[in-house]
């Protein structure tokens, strides 16, 4: 995965690091969408650290569970049935 490097220090900023983790979480979700749909149909889910960290019927409950890691989380309302292509 390629990430933009902070032009002064040569390192990624905290926000850039969070975005890299968010993309890793999205990739995990794409790779595991069939299992997520089976286990969490009609629920809101949040993915952190390449796993489901919260699920609930309402988005605010899932959002609250993520806390201060909002920039790296992936949120999804899981539909019933099969998703034809990765999210």
N, C-alpha and C. Protein backbone atom coordinates (compact mmCIF):
# COMPACT_ATOMS: atom_id res chain seq x y z
N UNK A 1 0.84 -1.17 0.00
CA UNK A 1 0.00 0.00 0.00
C UNK A 1 0.89 1.24 0.00
N UNK A 2 0.57 2.17 -0.86
CA UNK A 2 1.36 3.40 -0.96
C UNK A 2 0.66 4.49 -0.17
N UNK A 3 1.42 5.24 0.60
CA UNK A 3 0.87 6.36 1.37
C UNK A 3 1.73 7.58 1.13
N UNK A 4 1.10 8.73 1.13
CA UNK A 4 1.83 9.98 0.97
C UNK A 4 2.65 10.24 2.22
N UNK A 5 3.88 10.64 2.04
CA UNK A 5 4.77 10.92 3.16
C UNK A 5 4.75 12.42 3.45
N UNK A 6 4.72 12.76 4.72
CA UNK A 6 4.75 14.17 5.12
C UNK A 6 6.00 14.81 4.54
N UNK A 7 5.85 15.91 3.87
CA UNK A 7 6.96 16.49 3.09
C UNK A 7 8.08 17.04 3.95
N UNK A 8 7.86 17.39 5.20
CA UNK A 8 8.94 17.93 6.03
C UNK A 8 9.72 16.83 6.74
N UNK A 9 9.02 15.92 7.37
CA UNK A 9 9.69 14.93 8.21
C UNK A 9 9.98 13.63 7.48
N UNK A 10 9.35 13.40 6.34
CA UNK A 10 9.54 12.14 5.65
C UNK A 10 8.72 11.02 6.26
N UNK A 11 7.85 11.33 7.21
CA UNK A 11 7.00 10.33 7.86
C UNK A 11 5.53 10.68 7.64
N UNK A 12 4.69 9.68 7.82
CA UNK A 12 3.26 9.92 7.68
C UNK A 12 2.73 10.68 8.90
N UNK A 13 1.78 11.55 8.66
CA UNK A 13 1.11 12.25 9.75
C UNK A 13 0.17 11.26 10.46
N UNK A 14 -0.29 11.58 11.67
CA UNK A 14 -1.24 10.70 12.35
C UNK A 14 -2.51 10.44 11.52
N UNK A 15 -3.00 11.46 10.83
CA UNK A 15 -4.19 11.26 10.00
C UNK A 15 -3.89 10.31 8.85
N UNK A 16 -2.73 10.44 8.23
CA UNK A 16 -2.35 9.53 7.15
C UNK A 16 -2.23 8.10 7.67
N UNK A 17 -1.67 7.93 8.85
CA UNK A 17 -1.57 6.60 9.46
C UNK A 17 -2.96 6.01 9.70
N UNK A 18 -3.89 6.85 10.17
CA UNK A 18 -5.26 6.39 10.40
C UNK A 18 -5.92 5.98 9.09
N UNK A 19 -5.66 6.72 8.03
CA UNK A 19 -6.24 6.38 6.72
C UNK A 19 -5.68 5.06 6.19
N UNK A 20 -4.41 4.80 6.42
CA UNK A 20 -3.83 3.51 6.02
C UNK A 20 -4.55 2.38 6.76
N UNK A 21 -4.77 2.55 8.06
CA UNK A 21 -5.48 1.53 8.84
C UNK A 21 -6.93 1.38 8.36
N UNK A 22 -7.56 2.50 7.97
CA UNK A 22 -8.92 2.43 7.44
C UNK A 22 -8.95 1.61 6.15
N UNK A 23 -7.98 1.83 5.28
CA UNK A 23 -7.93 1.06 4.03
C UNK A 23 -7.67 -0.42 4.31
N UNK A 24 -6.86 -0.73 5.32
CA UNK A 24 -6.65 -2.13 5.71
C UNK A 24 -7.95 -2.75 6.22
N UNK A 25 -8.72 -1.97 6.99
CA UNK A 25 -10.01 -2.46 7.48
C UNK A 25 -10.99 -2.68 6.34
N UNK A 26 -10.97 -1.80 5.36
CA UNK A 26 -11.85 -1.96 4.20
C UNK A 26 -11.46 -3.21 3.40
N UNK A 27 -10.17 -3.43 3.24
CA UNK A 27 -9.70 -4.62 2.54
C UNK A 27 -10.15 -5.88 3.28
N UNK A 28 -10.04 -5.87 4.62
CA UNK A 28 -10.49 -7.01 5.41
C UNK A 28 -11.98 -7.25 5.17
N UNK A 29 -12.77 -6.17 5.17
CA UNK A 29 -14.21 -6.30 4.94
C UNK A 29 -14.49 -6.89 3.56
N UNK A 30 -13.80 -6.42 2.55
CA UNK A 30 -13.97 -6.98 1.20
C UNK A 30 -13.67 -8.48 1.18
N UNK A 31 -12.60 -8.87 1.88
CA UNK A 31 -12.19 -10.28 1.90
C UNK A 31 -13.14 -11.16 2.69
N UNK A 32 -13.89 -10.59 3.62
CA UNK A 32 -14.73 -11.37 4.53
C UNK A 32 -16.21 -11.04 4.43
N UNK A 33 -16.62 -10.41 3.33
CA UNK A 33 -17.99 -9.91 3.23
C UNK A 33 -19.03 -11.03 3.31
N UNK A 34 -18.75 -12.21 2.79
CA UNK A 34 -19.74 -13.29 2.86
C UNK A 34 -20.02 -13.69 4.31
N UNK A 35 -18.97 -13.81 5.12
CA UNK A 35 -19.15 -14.14 6.53
C UNK A 35 -19.85 -13.02 7.28
N UNK A 36 -19.50 -11.78 6.97
CA UNK A 36 -20.12 -10.63 7.62
C UNK A 36 -21.61 -10.60 7.29
N UNK A 37 -21.96 -10.84 6.04
CA UNK A 37 -23.38 -10.86 5.67
C UNK A 37 -24.13 -11.98 6.37
N UNK A 38 -23.52 -13.12 6.47
CA UNK A 38 -24.18 -14.26 7.13
C UNK A 38 -24.44 -13.95 8.61
N UNK A 39 -23.46 -13.35 9.27
CA UNK A 39 -23.54 -13.15 10.72
C UNK A 39 -24.20 -11.84 11.14
N UNK A 40 -24.24 -10.83 10.24
CA UNK A 40 -24.69 -9.49 10.64
C UNK A 40 -25.72 -8.88 9.70
N UNK A 41 -26.48 -9.70 8.99
CA UNK A 41 -27.49 -9.17 8.06
C UNK A 41 -28.44 -8.22 8.78
N UNK A 42 -28.73 -7.10 8.13
CA UNK A 42 -29.64 -6.06 8.65
C UNK A 42 -29.12 -5.36 9.90
N UNK A 43 -27.84 -5.40 10.13
CA UNK A 43 -27.21 -4.71 11.27
C UNK A 43 -26.21 -3.67 10.74
N UNK A 44 -25.93 -2.70 11.58
CA UNK A 44 -24.81 -1.80 11.35
C UNK A 44 -23.58 -2.45 11.98
N UNK A 45 -22.45 -2.39 11.29
CA UNK A 45 -21.20 -2.91 11.85
C UNK A 45 -20.10 -1.85 11.72
N UNK A 46 -19.12 -1.97 12.59
CA UNK A 46 -17.90 -1.17 12.50
C UNK A 46 -16.73 -2.13 12.48
N UNK A 47 -15.78 -1.86 11.59
CA UNK A 47 -14.59 -2.69 11.47
C UNK A 47 -13.39 -1.87 11.94
N UNK A 48 -12.65 -2.43 12.90
CA UNK A 48 -11.40 -1.86 13.40
C UNK A 48 -10.42 -3.01 13.61
N UNK A 49 -9.17 -2.76 13.36
CA UNK A 49 -8.13 -3.78 13.56
C UNK A 49 -8.45 -5.07 12.82
N UNK A 50 -9.03 -4.91 11.64
CA UNK A 50 -9.36 -6.03 10.76
C UNK A 50 -10.30 -7.05 11.41
N UNK A 51 -11.27 -6.53 12.14
CA UNK A 51 -12.31 -7.38 12.71
C UNK A 51 -13.54 -6.52 13.02
N UNK A 52 -14.68 -7.18 13.19
CA UNK A 52 -15.89 -6.46 13.59
C UNK A 52 -15.71 -6.07 15.06
N UNK A 53 -15.75 -4.79 15.33
CA UNK A 53 -15.59 -4.33 16.72
C UNK A 53 -16.92 -3.99 17.36
N UNK A 54 -17.95 -3.79 16.55
CA UNK A 54 -19.27 -3.47 17.09
C UNK A 54 -20.33 -3.77 16.05
N UNK A 55 -21.51 -4.15 16.54
CA UNK A 55 -22.67 -4.31 15.67
C UNK A 55 -23.90 -3.89 16.47
N UNK A 56 -24.87 -3.34 15.77
CA UNK A 56 -26.10 -2.87 16.43
C UNK A 56 -27.17 -2.62 15.37
N UNK A 57 -28.37 -2.44 15.85
CA UNK A 57 -29.48 -2.12 14.95
C UNK A 57 -29.43 -0.68 14.48
N UNK A 58 -28.80 0.19 15.27
CA UNK A 58 -28.77 1.61 14.94
C UNK A 58 -27.34 2.12 14.83
N UNK A 59 -27.13 2.99 13.85
CA UNK A 59 -25.80 3.56 13.59
C UNK A 59 -25.20 4.28 14.79
N UNK A 60 -25.94 5.09 15.54
CA UNK A 60 -25.32 5.80 16.67
C UNK A 60 -24.68 4.86 17.70
N UNK A 61 -25.25 3.68 17.88
CA UNK A 61 -24.67 2.72 18.82
C UNK A 61 -23.30 2.23 18.33
N UNK A 62 -23.19 1.98 17.05
CA UNK A 62 -21.92 1.51 16.48
C UNK A 62 -20.91 2.65 16.50
N UNK A 63 -21.34 3.83 16.16
CA UNK A 63 -20.47 5.00 16.17
C UNK A 63 -19.89 5.23 17.57
N UNK A 64 -20.71 5.11 18.58
CA UNK A 64 -20.25 5.30 19.96
C UNK A 64 -19.20 4.26 20.35
N UNK A 65 -19.35 3.05 19.89
CA UNK A 65 -18.41 1.98 20.23
C UNK A 65 -17.02 2.23 19.66
N UNK A 66 -16.93 2.95 18.56
CA UNK A 66 -15.64 3.23 17.92
C UNK A 66 -14.84 4.25 18.71
N UNK A 67 -15.51 5.14 19.39
CA UNK A 67 -14.82 6.13 20.22
C UNK A 67 -13.98 7.09 19.40
N UNK A 68 -12.74 7.29 19.81
CA UNK A 68 -11.87 8.28 19.17
C UNK A 68 -11.12 7.73 17.96
N UNK A 69 -11.48 6.55 17.49
CA UNK A 69 -10.79 5.94 16.33
C UNK A 69 -11.63 6.06 15.06
N UNK A 70 -12.42 7.09 14.99
CA UNK A 70 -13.34 7.29 13.88
C UNK A 70 -12.65 7.30 12.52
N UNK A 71 -11.47 7.93 12.43
CA UNK A 71 -10.79 8.07 11.13
C UNK A 71 -10.31 6.74 10.55
N UNK A 72 -10.18 5.70 11.37
CA UNK A 72 -9.68 4.43 10.85
C UNK A 72 -10.76 3.36 10.75
N UNK A 73 -11.95 3.66 11.19
CA UNK A 73 -13.04 2.68 11.17
C UNK A 73 -13.75 2.65 9.82
N UNK A 74 -14.32 1.50 9.52
CA UNK A 74 -15.18 1.33 8.36
C UNK A 74 -16.56 0.97 8.89
N UNK A 75 -17.59 1.67 8.42
CA UNK A 75 -18.96 1.44 8.85
C UNK A 75 -19.77 0.90 7.68
N UNK A 76 -20.69 -0.01 7.99
CA UNK A 76 -21.51 -0.59 6.93
C UNK A 76 -22.84 -1.04 7.51
N UNK A 77 -23.91 -0.73 6.80
CA UNK A 77 -25.21 -1.33 7.08
C UNK A 77 -25.25 -2.57 6.22
N UNK A 78 -25.21 -3.73 6.83
CA UNK A 78 -25.07 -4.99 6.11
C UNK A 78 -26.42 -5.38 5.51
N UNK A 79 -26.47 -5.50 4.19
CA UNK A 79 -27.73 -5.89 3.55
C UNK A 79 -27.96 -7.39 3.64
N UNK A 80 -29.20 -7.78 3.45
CA UNK A 80 -29.50 -9.20 3.30
C UNK A 80 -29.13 -9.61 1.89
N UNK A 81 -28.91 -10.88 1.70
CA UNK A 81 -28.61 -11.38 0.37
C UNK A 81 -27.15 -11.17 0.01
N UNK A 82 -26.84 -11.52 -1.20
CA UNK A 82 -25.45 -11.50 -1.66
C UNK A 82 -25.09 -10.14 -2.25
N UNK A 83 -23.89 -9.68 -1.94
CA UNK A 83 -23.35 -8.48 -2.57
C UNK A 83 -22.59 -8.94 -3.81
N UNK A 84 -22.92 -8.38 -4.95
CA UNK A 84 -22.37 -8.86 -6.22
C UNK A 84 -20.90 -8.56 -6.39
N UNK A 85 -20.41 -7.49 -5.75
CA UNK A 85 -19.00 -7.12 -5.91
C UNK A 85 -18.50 -6.54 -4.59
N UNK A 86 -17.18 -6.49 -4.41
CA UNK A 86 -16.65 -5.94 -3.16
C UNK A 86 -17.11 -4.51 -2.94
N UNK A 87 -17.18 -4.13 -1.70
CA UNK A 87 -17.64 -2.79 -1.32
C UNK A 87 -16.55 -1.78 -1.56
